[in-house]
Amino acid sequence: MFAIYKKELKQYFHSMIGFVFLAFFIAIIGIYTWANNFYGKVGNFETTLSSSTFLFVLLIPILTMRVLAEEKHQKTDQLLYTAPISIGRVIIGKYLALITLFGIGVLFVGLYPLLLRHYGPDSVQLAPAYSALIGFFLLGAAYIAIGTFISSLTESQPIAAVVSFLVLLMSVLVSSIAGALPSDKLSQAAILSVVWIIVAAVAYYMMHNITVAVILAVLGEAAIWIIYAVKSSLYEGIVADILNCAALSSKFDDFTLGVLKYDVIVYYVSVAFLFVFLTIQSIRKKRYN
């Protein structure tokens, strides 16, 4: 695993991808810091980070699109399937290389609050600033895991980038979408029914097993409507609650208050773990096929 990690990390800097990513990442947050903190004379660096979370939607798809899609396109993924180490260690090594590259950028950004305290407004508070920076790193780690999983589903880097962009964009907009949906019980049940059909379709795409997909769809649809018939009150606001759970960026606001909420930390770590696990299963399935 360590050999994969070193190989991937070296490749990012030998191909200039790492330098380009770090340059854009540090420069854009630097511009926001100058505009919000120096020019605006505001000492809240955590507000700058909160405004900069849109960077993930733009940069993470570009960073992760090649991590596995390129292997498939160049047919070097066969080396993964026949490697003497497990698929899990290969994927974890690749993921840790991405996290390290992102972490280097976060370390550079970590100097900004110190510069602000020395040269900028006197009201800069380091505790909220670095609390927000920790949340910023965890949010990025979760997004990178999602992008890595999407890259494992296709051999086309542009498709991986576009799908990752759309998924991350939806995770940002999902709270607004939840507020615009109808709130009556029947509509909530109908929305869940449609979503479950989509889940079954995704399961078929990943497993290519029509029997499992159909059974999954039928059992899920039956459960949704049986529960609605027995106790429809359970559907009050259920879609909004589910969608809000998928709103990764909205939970970042807790870190800007200077408080490290352990439930949010566990949430981000769990999302990262889940999508790394799904990536491993996706590659293992192709290996068995």
Protein backbone atom coordinates (compact mmCIF):
# COMPACT_ATOMS: atom_id res chain seq x y z
CA MET A 1 0.00 0.00 0.00
CA PHE A 2 2.84 2.39 0.83
CA ALA A 3 4.43 1.72 -2.57
CA ILE A 4 1.13 2.63 -4.30
CA TYR A 5 0.89 5.73 -2.14
CA LYS A 6 4.40 6.91 -3.05
CA LYS A 7 3.91 6.14 -6.75
CA GLU A 8 0.64 8.08 -6.93
CA LEU A 9 1.98 11.05 -4.98
CA LYS A 10 5.10 11.27 -7.19
CA GLN A 11 2.95 11.03 -10.30
CA TYR A 12 0.88 14.07 -9.27
CA PHE A 13 3.99 16.23 -9.13
CA HIS A 14 5.79 14.69 -12.11
CA SER A 15 2.75 15.35 -14.32
CA MET A 16 2.23 18.90 -12.92
CA ILE A 17 -1.30 18.00 -11.79
CA GLY A 18 -0.28 18.47 -8.18
CA PHE A 19 1.35 21.86 -8.78
CA VAL A 20 -1.61 23.13 -10.84
CA PHE A 21 -4.11 21.98 -8.22
CA LEU A 22 -2.15 23.56 -5.35
CA ALA A 23 -1.60 26.78 -7.30
CA PHE A 24 -5.31 27.25 -8.03
CA PHE A 25 -6.37 26.13 -4.56
CA ILE A 26 -3.99 28.42 -2.66
CA ALA A 27 -4.42 31.36 -5.06
CA ILE A 28 -8.23 31.37 -5.04
CA ILE A 29 -8.46 31.13 -1.25
CA GLY A 30 -5.77 33.83 -1.08
CA ILE A 31 -7.89 36.11 -3.28
CA TYR A 32 -10.91 35.51 -1.05
CA THR A 33 -8.79 36.19 2.04
CA TRP A 34 -7.57 39.49 0.60
CA ALA A 35 -11.07 40.54 -0.50
CA ASN A 36 -12.90 39.51 2.69
CA ASN A 37 -10.29 40.07 5.37
CA PHE A 38 -7.68 42.57 4.23
CA TYR A 39 -9.72 44.75 1.88
CA GLY A 40 -13.00 44.29 3.77
CA LYS A 41 -11.19 44.67 7.12
CA VAL A 42 -13.02 41.69 8.59
CA GLY A 43 -11.19 39.41 10.99
CA ASN A 44 -13.34 36.30 10.52
CA PHE A 45 -11.19 33.92 8.49
CA GLU A 46 -13.78 31.19 9.05
CA THR A 47 -16.22 33.24 6.94
CA THR A 48 -13.67 33.22 4.11
CA LEU A 49 -13.40 29.43 4.29
CA SER A 50 -17.18 29.11 4.31
CA SER A 51 -17.34 31.21 1.13
CA SER A 52 -14.57 29.10 -0.43
CA THR A 53 -16.31 25.72 -0.16
CA PHE A 54 -17.55 26.17 -3.74
CA LEU A 55 -13.94 25.36 -4.74
CA PHE A 56 -14.61 21.71 -4.03
CA VAL A 57 -17.32 21.59 -6.70
CA LEU A 58 -14.83 22.91 -9.28
CA LEU A 59 -11.48 21.40 -8.28
CA ILE A 60 -12.29 17.99 -6.76
CA PRO A 61 -13.77 16.56 -10.02
CA ILE A 62 -10.64 17.63 -11.90
CA LEU A 63 -8.40 16.14 -9.23
CA THR A 64 -10.18 12.77 -8.95
CA MET A 65 -11.30 12.16 -12.55
CA ARG A 66 -8.09 10.38 -13.52
CA VAL A 67 -7.42 8.37 -10.37
CA LEU A 68 -9.17 5.20 -11.65
CA ALA A 69 -10.79 6.19 -14.96
CA GLU A 70 -7.34 6.65 -16.54
CA GLU A 71 -6.34 3.15 -15.42
CA LYS A 72 -9.32 1.72 -17.28
CA HIS A 73 -8.78 3.85 -20.37
CA GLN A 74 -5.13 2.82 -20.67
CA LYS A 75 -5.99 -0.80 -19.76
CA THR A 76 -3.49 -0.68 -16.89
CA ASP A 77 -6.32 -1.60 -14.54
CA GLN A 78 -5.45 -5.24 -15.32
CA LEU A 79 -2.33 -4.70 -13.23
CA LEU A 80 -4.61 -3.79 -10.32
CA TYR A 81 -6.55 -7.04 -10.73
CA THR A 82 -3.38 -9.17 -10.76
CA ALA A 83 -1.36 -7.20 -8.20
CA PRO A 84 0.15 -9.21 -5.31
CA ILE A 85 -1.56 -6.90 -2.82
CA SER A 86 -5.28 -6.61 -2.21
CA ILE A 87 -7.53 -4.27 -4.16
CA GLY A 88 -8.44 -2.57 -0.90
CA ARG A 89 -4.83 -1.57 -0.22
CA VAL A 90 -4.43 -0.26 -3.79
CA ILE A 91 -7.52 1.95 -3.49
CA ILE A 92 -6.59 3.16 -0.01
CA GLY A 93 -3.08 4.01 -1.25
CA LYS A 94 -4.52 6.06 -4.12
CA TYR A 95 -7.00 7.77 -1.81
CA LEU A 96 -4.33 8.64 0.77
CA ALA A 97 -2.19 10.18 -2.00
CA LEU A 98 -5.11 12.42 -2.95
CA ILE A 99 -5.68 13.33 0.69
CA THR A 100 -1.99 14.16 1.11
CA LEU A 101 -2.02 16.45 -1.91
CA PHE A 102 -5.12 18.19 -0.61
CA GLY A 103 -3.65 18.33 2.90
CA ILE A 104 -0.55 20.14 1.58
CA GLY A 105 -2.84 22.85 0.21
CA VAL A 106 -4.69 23.08 3.54
CA LEU A 107 -1.38 23.46 5.40
CA PHE A 108 -0.45 26.43 3.22
CA VAL A 109 -3.89 27.95 3.79
CA GLY A 110 -3.31 27.41 7.51
CA LEU A 111 -0.73 30.21 7.40
CA TYR A 112 -3.36 32.78 6.40
CA PRO A 113 -4.87 33.28 9.89
CA LEU A 114 -1.37 33.92 11.27
CA LEU A 115 -0.69 36.49 8.54
CA LEU A 116 -4.05 38.10 9.23
CA ARG A 117 -3.33 38.29 12.94
CA HIS A 118 0.03 39.89 12.29
CA TYR A 119 -0.79 42.23 9.41
CA GLY A 120 -4.56 42.37 9.30
CA PRO A 121 -7.43 43.19 11.66
CA ASP A 122 -6.76 42.76 15.38
CA SER A 123 -10.04 40.86 15.81
CA VAL A 124 -8.77 37.66 14.18
CA GLN A 125 -9.59 34.72 16.47
CA LEU A 126 -7.37 31.70 15.88
CA ALA A 127 -9.65 29.12 17.54
CA PRO A 128 -12.62 29.57 15.14
CA ALA A 129 -10.22 29.96 12.20
CA TYR A 130 -8.46 26.65 12.78
CA SER A 131 -11.66 24.90 13.80
CA ALA A 132 -13.08 25.92 10.41
CA LEU A 133 -9.86 24.75 8.74
CA ILE A 134 -10.26 21.28 10.29
CA GLY A 135 -13.84 21.13 9.03
CA PHE A 136 -12.65 22.34 5.63
CA PHE A 137 -10.17 19.46 5.44
CA LEU A 138 -12.76 16.87 6.53
CA LEU A 139 -15.29 18.17 4.00
CA GLY A 140 -12.67 17.97 1.26
CA ALA A 141 -11.74 14.41 2.29
CA ALA A 142 -15.39 13.35 2.00
CA TYR A 143 -15.73 14.99 -1.42
CA ILE A 144 -12.51 13.33 -2.63
CA ALA A 145 -13.88 9.92 -1.61
CA ILE A 146 -17.05 10.60 -3.62
CA GLY A 147 -15.02 11.70 -6.66
CA THR A 148 -12.83 8.60 -6.40
CA PHE A 149 -15.88 6.34 -6.36
CA ILE A 150 -17.35 8.03 -9.44
CA SER A 151 -13.99 7.67 -11.22
CA SER A 152 -14.15 3.91 -10.59
CA LEU A 153 -17.44 3.62 -12.51
CA THR A 154 -16.20 4.80 -15.92
CA GLU A 155 -13.12 4.78 -18.13
CA SER A 156 -13.79 8.29 -19.46
CA GLN A 157 -12.12 11.08 -17.52
CA PRO A 158 -14.47 13.80 -18.89
CA ILE A 159 -17.53 11.75 -17.87
CA ALA A 160 -16.05 11.16 -14.41
CA ALA A 161 -15.39 14.90 -14.05
CA VAL A 162 -18.86 15.95 -15.23
CA VAL A 163 -20.70 13.40 -13.06
CA SER A 164 -18.58 14.34 -10.01
CA PHE A 165 -19.30 18.01 -10.65
CA LEU A 166 -23.04 17.37 -10.82
CA VAL A 167 -23.06 15.18 -7.70
CA LEU A 168 -21.06 17.69 -5.66
CA LEU A 169 -23.18 20.55 -6.96
CA MET A 170 -26.32 18.68 -5.91
CA SER A 171 -24.85 18.15 -2.43
CA VAL A 172 -24.51 21.94 -2.16
CA LEU A 173 -27.99 22.71 -3.51
CA VAL A 174 -29.82 19.84 -1.82
CA SER A 175 -30.98 21.93 1.15
CA SER A 176 -32.62 24.45 -1.17
CA ILE A 177 -34.18 21.64 -3.19
CA ALA A 178 -35.58 20.07 -0.01
CA GLY A 179 -37.32 23.32 0.89
CA ALA A 180 -38.94 23.56 -2.54
CA LEU A 181 -40.49 20.07 -2.52
CA PRO A 182 -44.16 19.48 -1.61
CA SER A 183 -44.53 18.59 2.06
CA ASP A 184 -47.79 16.60 2.17
CA LYS A 185 -47.56 12.93 3.11
CA LEU A 186 -48.65 11.48 -0.24
CA SER A 187 -46.15 13.57 -2.18
CA GLN A 188 -43.39 12.56 0.23
CA ALA A 189 -44.22 8.88 -0.27
CA ALA A 190 -44.32 9.33 -4.06
CA ILE A 191 -40.93 11.05 -4.05
CA LEU A 192 -39.46 8.21 -1.97
CA SER A 193 -40.95 5.73 -4.42
CA VAL A 194 -39.25 7.42 -7.39
CA VAL A 195 -35.95 7.69 -5.52
CA TRP A 196 -36.06 3.99 -4.67
CA ILE A 197 -36.53 3.10 -8.35
CA ILE A 198 -33.41 5.14 -9.08
CA VAL A 199 -31.55 3.28 -6.32
CA ALA A 200 -32.57 -0.06 -7.88
CA ALA A 201 -31.40 1.17 -11.30
CA VAL A 202 -28.02 2.16 -9.84
CA ALA A 203 -27.78 -1.26 -8.16
CA TYR A 204 -28.38 -2.91 -11.52
CA TYR A 205 -25.72 -0.73 -13.17
CA MET A 206 -23.18 -1.73 -10.53
CA MET A 207 -24.06 -5.46 -10.30
CA HIS A 208 -25.53 -6.16 -13.77
CA ASN A 209 -27.91 -8.57 -12.05
CA ILE A 210 -31.50 -7.91 -13.14
CA THR A 211 -32.95 -10.38 -10.62
CA VAL A 212 -31.38 -8.66 -7.61
CA ALA A 213 -32.34 -5.21 -8.95
CA VAL A 214 -35.99 -6.21 -9.50
CA ILE A 215 -36.26 -7.86 -6.06
CA LEU A 216 -34.71 -4.77 -4.48
CA ALA A 217 -37.14 -2.49 -6.31
CA VAL A 218 -40.24 -4.56 -5.49
CA LEU A 219 -39.40 -5.02 -1.81
CA GLY A 220 -38.55 -1.34 -1.39
CA GLU A 221 -41.71 -0.13 -3.15
CA ALA A 222 -43.85 -2.53 -1.14
CA ALA A 223 -42.28 -1.35 2.13
CA ILE A 224 -42.79 2.33 1.25
CA TRP A 225 -46.50 1.98 0.48
CA ILE A 226 -47.28 -0.50 3.27
CA ILE A 227 -45.78 1.90 5.81
CA TYR A 228 -47.76 4.74 4.22
CA ALA A 229 -50.99 2.74 4.55
CA VAL A 230 -50.29 1.74 8.16
CA LYS A 231 -48.82 4.97 9.53
CA SER A 232 -48.64 7.81 7.03
CA SER A 233 -47.58 10.30 9.72
CA LEU A 234 -44.04 8.90 9.47
CA TYR A 235 -43.72 10.60 6.08
CA GLU A 236 -44.11 14.12 7.43
CA GLY A 237 -40.98 15.96 6.27
CA ILE A 238 -39.08 12.70 5.73
CA VAL A 239 -37.69 13.66 2.30
CA ALA A 240 -36.35 16.97 3.61
CA ASP A 241 -34.70 15.14 6.53
CA ILE A 242 -33.08 12.63 4.17
CA LEU A 243 -31.89 15.31 1.77
CA ASN A 244 -30.49 17.42 4.59
CA CYS A 245 -28.41 14.41 5.64
CA ALA A 246 -26.83 14.49 2.17
CA ALA A 247 -26.05 18.22 2.40
CA LEU A 248 -22.38 17.89 3.27
CA SER A 249 -21.47 21.56 2.99
CA SER A 250 -24.29 22.73 5.29
CA LYS A 251 -22.73 20.83 8.20
CA PHE A 252 -19.50 22.77 7.72
CA ASP A 253 -21.17 25.80 9.35
CA ASP A 254 -20.81 24.13 12.76
CA PHE A 255 -17.01 24.41 12.50
CA THR A 256 -17.14 28.16 11.80
CA LEU A 257 -18.48 28.71 15.33
CA GLY A 258 -15.19 27.56 16.82
CA VAL A 259 -16.68 24.30 18.09
CA LEU A 260 -15.47 20.85 17.03
CA LYS A 261 -18.71 18.87 17.01
CA TYR A 262 -17.82 15.21 17.19
CA ASP A 263 -21.02 14.07 15.50
CA VAL A 264 -20.16 16.15 12.41
CA ILE A 265 -16.58 14.84 12.44
CA VAL A 266 -17.90 11.27 12.58
CA TYR A 267 -20.33 12.13 9.78
CA TYR A 268 -17.58 13.33 7.42
CA VAL A 269 -15.30 10.41 8.28
CA SER A 270 -18.19 7.98 7.74
CA VAL A 271 -18.99 9.46 4.31
CA ALA A 272 -15.33 9.15 3.30
CA PHE A 273 -15.16 5.56 4.61
CA LEU A 274 -18.42 4.61 2.85
CA PHE A 275 -17.34 5.83 -0.58
CA VAL A 276 -13.84 4.34 -0.29
CA PHE A 277 -15.53 1.04 0.61
CA LEU A 278 -17.88 1.35 -2.38
CA THR A 279 -14.89 2.06 -4.63
CA ILE A 280 -13.16 -1.09 -3.41
CA GLN A 281 -16.30 -3.15 -4.04
CA SER A 282 -16.71 -1.64 -7.52
CA ILE A 283 -13.14 -2.61 -8.50
CA ARG A 284 -13.46 -6.06 -6.91
CA LYS A 285 -16.60 -6.73 -8.92
CA LYS A 286 -14.78 -5.92 -12.17
CA ARG A 287 -11.91 -8.12 -11.06
CA TYR A 288 -14.18 -11.12 -10.51
CA ASN A 289 -15.91 -10.51 -13.87
